[in-house]
Amino acid sequence: MLYSAWKIDFLHILIIKDRYSLQSCRISNQNTLLIVYKVMLIKKRLDIRIKRVSGVKRQFLLIGIVTCVLFVLIFHKTIFQEGNPLPIAISMIKLKATDKKVVQISKNPERYLIHSKDYVTFIESMDKKGDVFQYQEDKLFYFNRDDKRASFVSKSYTDSYTIMELK
């Protein structure tokens, strides 16, 4: 907000800007004084308009934050069931945006994201990487990898996605 203090002889004006800085001006005649006063009034009106807009922005920001917090509180078990949800969310975006059917989430532990129960595509993808499929027991998939046995466990992440993790 803009305030002004006038001396009795109208030769000196003290302008306080934005509550932080002071500026002192010497006025030479009455016309200059009127111009300075009009500029101060216009600036004061603009400040009020800006504050109204920023109040609306604050309300939208507050509504957005409250909505995000409520979403996380309601779905926290699903979101954080595998730890940090960001790598999984990035993998979901890659799965949707590209034509890939299998996306690697992390290297340690080795985890892959596939569409729900699309195990055949996962087996074909692992065969292309050099892992030979041996057999399946319930949710365990056994592969031969460099003369060693590797087993992947399937975990249902959501209704649409499954995580395959190396055990």
Protein backbone atom coordinates (compact mmCIF):
# COMPACT_ATOMS: atom_id res chain seq x y z
CA MET A 1 0.00 0.00 0.00
CA LEU A 2 1.23 3.50 -0.78
CA TYR A 3 1.19 6.25 1.87
CA SER A 4 2.32 9.86 1.68
CA ALA A 5 3.22 12.52 4.24
CA TRP A 6 3.16 16.20 3.28
CA LYS A 7 4.99 19.11 4.88
CA ILE A 8 3.03 22.29 5.51
CA ASP A 9 4.77 24.32 2.78
CA PHE A 10 4.08 21.66 0.02
CA LEU A 11 7.71 21.79 -1.06
CA HIS A 12 8.73 18.41 0.16
CA ILE A 13 6.98 15.01 -0.19
CA LEU A 14 7.84 11.76 1.53
CA ILE A 15 6.71 8.68 -0.36
CA ILE A 16 6.64 5.29 1.35
CA LYS A 17 6.74 2.47 -1.19
CA ASP A 18 5.70 -1.09 -0.45
CA ARG A 19 6.22 -0.71 3.32
CA TYR A 20 9.97 -1.26 2.92
CA SER A 21 11.60 1.65 1.12
CA LEU A 22 11.43 5.40 1.65
CA GLN A 23 11.91 7.96 -1.08
CA SER A 24 12.13 11.72 -0.54
CA CYS A 25 11.40 14.13 -3.43
CA ARG A 26 11.69 17.90 -3.72
CA ILE A 27 8.69 19.51 -5.42
CA SER A 28 9.31 22.70 -7.39
CA ASN A 29 5.80 23.89 -8.23
CA GLN A 30 2.11 23.17 -7.70
CA ASN A 31 1.63 21.34 -11.08
CA THR A 32 4.35 18.81 -10.25
CA LEU A 33 2.70 18.26 -6.90
CA LEU A 34 -0.63 17.43 -8.56
CA ILE A 35 1.05 15.01 -11.01
CA VAL A 36 2.81 13.18 -8.19
CA TYR A 37 -0.46 12.96 -6.24
CA LYS A 38 -2.33 11.53 -9.29
CA VAL A 39 0.40 8.95 -9.90
CA MET A 40 0.18 7.91 -6.25
CA LEU A 41 -3.61 7.46 -6.53
CA ILE A 42 -3.30 5.38 -9.71
CA LYS A 43 -0.63 3.19 -8.13
CA LYS A 44 -2.80 2.72 -5.05
CA ARG A 45 -5.72 1.54 -7.24
CA LEU A 46 -3.44 -0.86 -9.12
CA ASP A 47 -2.10 -2.26 -5.83
CA ILE A 48 -5.66 -2.98 -4.67
CA ARG A 49 -6.48 -4.77 -7.96
CA ILE A 50 -3.30 -6.85 -7.77
CA LYS A 51 -4.09 -7.85 -4.19
CA ARG A 52 -7.58 -9.01 -5.24
CA VAL A 53 -6.15 -11.16 -8.02
CA SER A 54 -3.50 -12.61 -5.76
CA GLY A 55 -6.21 -13.45 -3.21
CA VAL A 56 -8.04 -15.49 -5.87
CA LYS A 57 -4.79 -17.19 -6.80
CA ARG A 58 -4.19 -18.03 -3.15
CA GLN A 59 -7.64 -19.59 -2.92
CA PHE A 60 -7.03 -21.77 -5.98
CA LEU A 61 -3.61 -22.75 -4.66
CA LEU A 62 -5.11 -23.63 -1.28
CA ILE A 63 -7.88 -25.70 -2.90
CA GLY A 64 -5.28 -27.51 -5.03
CA ILE A 65 -3.06 -28.32 -2.06
CA VAL A 66 -6.00 -29.55 0.04
CA THR A 67 -7.19 -31.73 -2.87
CA CYS A 68 -3.71 -33.26 -3.31
CA VAL A 69 -3.37 -33.95 0.42
CA LEU A 70 -6.81 -35.59 0.55
CA PHE A 71 -5.97 -37.70 -2.51
CA VAL A 72 -2.74 -38.92 -0.90
CA LEU A 73 -4.49 -39.61 2.42
CA ILE A 74 -7.25 -41.62 0.77
CA PHE A 75 -5.05 -43.63 -1.62
CA HIS A 76 -1.81 -43.80 0.43
CA LYS A 77 -1.82 -47.61 0.64
CA THR A 78 -1.95 -47.96 -3.13
CA ILE A 79 0.44 -45.11 -3.89
CA PHE A 80 3.18 -46.12 -1.43
CA GLN A 81 2.83 -49.91 -1.50
CA GLU A 82 6.12 -50.26 -3.40
CA GLY A 83 7.99 -47.43 -1.67
CA ASN A 84 8.74 -44.31 -3.72
CA PRO A 85 5.94 -43.98 -6.31
CA LEU A 86 7.85 -41.69 -8.72
CA PRO A 87 9.78 -44.41 -10.64
CA ILE A 88 6.58 -46.40 -11.04
CA ALA A 89 4.65 -43.33 -12.21
CA ILE A 90 7.37 -42.56 -14.76
CA SER A 91 7.24 -46.18 -15.95
CA MET A 92 3.45 -45.97 -16.30
CA ILE A 93 3.82 -42.88 -18.47
CA LYS A 94 6.44 -44.64 -20.63
CA LEU A 95 4.16 -47.67 -20.96
CA LYS A 96 1.22 -45.50 -22.06
CA ALA A 97 3.15 -43.05 -24.25
CA THR A 98 5.33 -45.52 -26.17
CA ASP A 99 4.66 -48.79 -27.91
CA LYS A 100 6.70 -50.71 -25.32
CA LYS A 101 4.90 -53.51 -23.51
CA VAL A 102 7.53 -53.95 -20.76
CA VAL A 103 9.28 -51.05 -18.98
CA GLN A 104 12.13 -51.42 -16.48
CA ILE A 105 11.38 -49.59 -13.22
CA SER A 106 14.72 -50.06 -11.50
CA LYS A 107 17.96 -52.02 -11.84
CA ASN A 108 18.56 -52.75 -8.16
CA PRO A 109 16.29 -54.56 -7.38
CA GLU A 110 15.52 -55.46 -10.96
CA ARG A 111 11.85 -54.61 -11.49
CA TYR A 112 9.68 -54.34 -14.59
CA LEU A 113 6.21 -52.90 -15.15
CA ILE A 114 3.79 -54.69 -17.47
CA HIS A 115 0.12 -54.42 -18.28
CA SER A 116 -1.97 -56.50 -15.92
CA LYS A 117 -1.28 -60.22 -16.39
CA ASP A 118 0.45 -59.79 -19.76
CA TYR A 119 3.01 -62.43 -18.85
CA VAL A 120 3.58 -63.68 -22.40
CA THR A 121 4.93 -60.28 -23.46
CA PHE A 122 7.18 -60.21 -20.38
CA ILE A 123 8.56 -63.68 -21.20
CA GLU A 124 9.21 -62.66 -24.82
CA SER A 125 10.95 -59.48 -23.65
CA MET A 126 13.18 -61.42 -21.28
CA ASP A 127 14.00 -63.93 -24.05
CA LYS A 128 15.19 -61.02 -26.22
CA LYS A 129 17.53 -59.96 -23.39
CA GLY A 130 19.05 -63.44 -23.23
CA ASP A 131 17.10 -64.90 -20.30
CA VAL A 132 15.59 -68.24 -21.27
CA PHE A 133 12.19 -69.02 -19.77
CA GLN A 134 12.04 -72.37 -17.93
CA TYR A 135 8.72 -72.71 -16.10
CA GLN A 136 6.15 -70.97 -13.93
CA GLU A 137 4.90 -71.82 -10.46
CA ASP A 138 1.91 -69.73 -9.41
CA LYS A 139 3.34 -66.16 -9.35
CA LEU A 140 7.00 -67.17 -9.78
CA PHE A 141 8.61 -67.16 -13.21
CA TYR A 142 11.93 -69.03 -13.58
CA PHE A 143 14.53 -68.06 -16.17
CA ASN A 144 18.06 -69.26 -16.96
CA ARG A 145 20.41 -66.30 -16.90
CA ASP A 146 24.12 -66.85 -17.58
CA ASP A 147 23.98 -70.47 -16.30
CA LYS A 148 22.16 -69.32 -13.14
CA ARG A 149 18.51 -69.49 -12.23
CA ALA A 150 16.67 -66.21 -11.93
CA SER A 151 13.14 -66.02 -10.60
CA PHE A 152 10.70 -63.15 -11.00
CA VAL A 153 7.71 -62.62 -8.73
CA SER A 154 4.61 -60.95 -10.11
CA LYS A 155 2.91 -58.38 -7.88
CA SER A 156 -0.35 -56.73 -8.79
CA TYR A 157 0.20 -52.96 -8.43
CA THR A 158 -3.21 -51.79 -9.66
CA ASP A 159 -5.96 -53.37 -11.72
CA SER A 160 -4.14 -52.27 -14.87
CA TYR A 161 -0.47 -52.87 -13.99
CA THR A 162 1.70 -55.68 -12.65
CA ILE A 163 5.24 -55.42 -11.29
CA MET A 164 7.69 -58.21 -12.02
CA GLU A 165 10.51 -58.24 -9.45
CA LEU A 166 13.70 -60.35 -9.47
CA LYS A 167 14.05 -62.49 -6.33
